[in-house]
Structures are given as C-alpha cells and as structure tokens.
Amino acid sequence: MRKREPRVILSFPATVDAMSMESYSAAHGVPGRLIPLPTAISAGCGMCWCAPITDREAVERAARDAGLRVSGVHEMML
C-alpha cells in the first residue's frame, strides 16, 4: 500500500479536460497523474489530476497554459 502524502487535486467538469491535462502534462513534463476522483470531492467527470503538494503552482500553471476548465483545486492526503 502506498504511503499517504499531501497531494494537490485538480478536478474537471468534463472528461475531455482531464484527458487533455494528461496529454499536456506528458508533452511538457508536468508532474502528477490522472486518477479516479476521490469520493470526498464532487465534480463533473469522475477523473482528476493528482500531484505532490509541492508541485501545486506548476500544475495550476499547466492547466491555465493548456486552456483547460478546472472545476476545483483541492489539497488532501492520498
């Protein structure tokens, strides 16, 4: 089992935004990965971007630069 650590979670209103974040991140070296949305968060598509909390600024900047719709930015232990 993975050790629980503080993470930044970006939730998206639509699956296309989540998938676009994955593509953009792979092309630009943005840290994190696509995961199922934790049950504590409600959003439109059921997928979210998860990254170490220390990378919050980089992840938020990447979503803005990619022109993605983000429904929420959350910090939680995962």
Protein backbone atom coordinates (compact mmCIF):
# COMPACT_ATOMS: atom_id res chain seq x y z
CA MET A 1 0.00 0.00 0.00
CA ARG A 2 1.18 3.46 -0.87
CA LYS A 3 2.14 5.86 1.93
CA ARG A 4 -0.44 8.65 2.32
CA GLU A 5 1.03 12.05 1.49
CA PRO A 6 -0.36 15.53 0.92
CA ARG A 7 -1.48 15.93 -2.69
CA VAL A 8 -2.96 18.62 -4.86
CA ILE A 9 -6.03 17.50 -6.79
CA LEU A 10 -7.39 19.30 -9.85
CA SER A 11 -10.95 18.30 -10.66
CA PHE A 12 -12.50 18.89 -14.06
CA PRO A 13 -16.06 19.46 -15.29
CA ALA A 14 -15.64 17.10 -18.24
CA THR A 15 -13.58 14.05 -19.16
CA VAL A 16 -12.11 15.84 -22.17
CA ASP A 17 -10.45 18.34 -19.81
CA ALA A 18 -8.96 15.57 -17.67
CA MET A 19 -7.64 13.72 -20.72
CA SER A 20 -6.24 16.95 -22.15
CA MET A 21 -4.38 17.56 -18.88
CA GLU A 22 -2.81 14.13 -19.21
CA SER A 23 -1.67 14.83 -22.79
CA TYR A 24 -0.39 18.31 -21.98
CA SER A 25 1.47 17.04 -18.92
CA ALA A 26 3.18 14.25 -20.83
CA ALA A 27 4.34 16.69 -23.51
CA HIS A 28 5.53 19.36 -21.06
CA GLY A 29 6.89 17.31 -18.14
CA VAL A 30 4.23 18.37 -15.65
CA PRO A 31 4.30 16.19 -12.51
CA GLY A 32 1.36 14.04 -11.49
CA ARG A 33 -1.06 11.53 -12.93
CA LEU A 34 -4.71 11.02 -13.76
CA ILE A 35 -6.67 9.15 -11.05
CA PRO A 36 -10.32 8.43 -10.21
CA LEU A 37 -11.87 11.32 -8.31
CA PRO A 38 -11.78 10.74 -4.53
CA THR A 39 -15.26 10.37 -3.04
CA ALA A 40 -14.69 13.41 -0.81
CA ILE A 41 -14.76 15.63 -3.92
CA SER A 42 -17.66 16.09 -6.26
CA ALA A 43 -17.01 17.14 -9.85
CA GLY A 44 -18.44 16.56 -13.27
CA CYS A 45 -16.32 13.83 -14.80
CA GLY A 46 -15.09 11.45 -12.11
CA MET A 47 -11.40 11.87 -13.00
CA CYS A 48 -8.81 14.25 -11.59
CA TRP A 49 -5.15 15.19 -11.78
CA CYS A 50 -3.14 14.25 -8.71
CA ALA A 51 0.35 15.59 -7.94
CA PRO A 52 2.58 16.17 -4.93
CA ILE A 53 1.53 19.25 -2.97
CA THR A 54 4.96 20.80 -3.64
CA ASP A 55 4.07 20.95 -7.35
CA ARG A 56 0.81 22.83 -6.89
CA GLU A 57 1.94 26.02 -8.67
CA ALA A 58 3.35 24.09 -11.64
CA VAL A 59 0.17 22.01 -12.02
CA GLU A 60 -2.15 25.01 -11.80
CA ARG A 61 0.01 26.94 -14.29
CA ALA A 62 -0.04 23.99 -16.70
CA ALA A 63 -3.83 23.79 -16.60
CA ARG A 64 -4.06 27.55 -17.30
CA ASP A 65 -1.47 27.39 -20.09
CA ALA A 66 -3.33 24.49 -21.70
CA GLY A 67 -6.61 26.44 -21.52
CA LEU A 68 -8.36 23.74 -19.51
CA ARG A 69 -11.53 24.17 -17.47
CA VAL A 70 -10.82 23.27 -13.84
CA SER A 71 -13.78 22.88 -11.50
CA GLY A 72 -11.69 22.86 -8.33
CA VAL A 73 -8.25 22.73 -6.75
CA HIS A 74 -8.09 20.67 -3.57
CA GLU A 75 -5.43 19.63 -1.06
CA MET A 76 -5.83 16.29 0.65
CA MET A 77 -3.97 13.27 1.97
CA LEU A 78 -3.88 10.41 -0.53
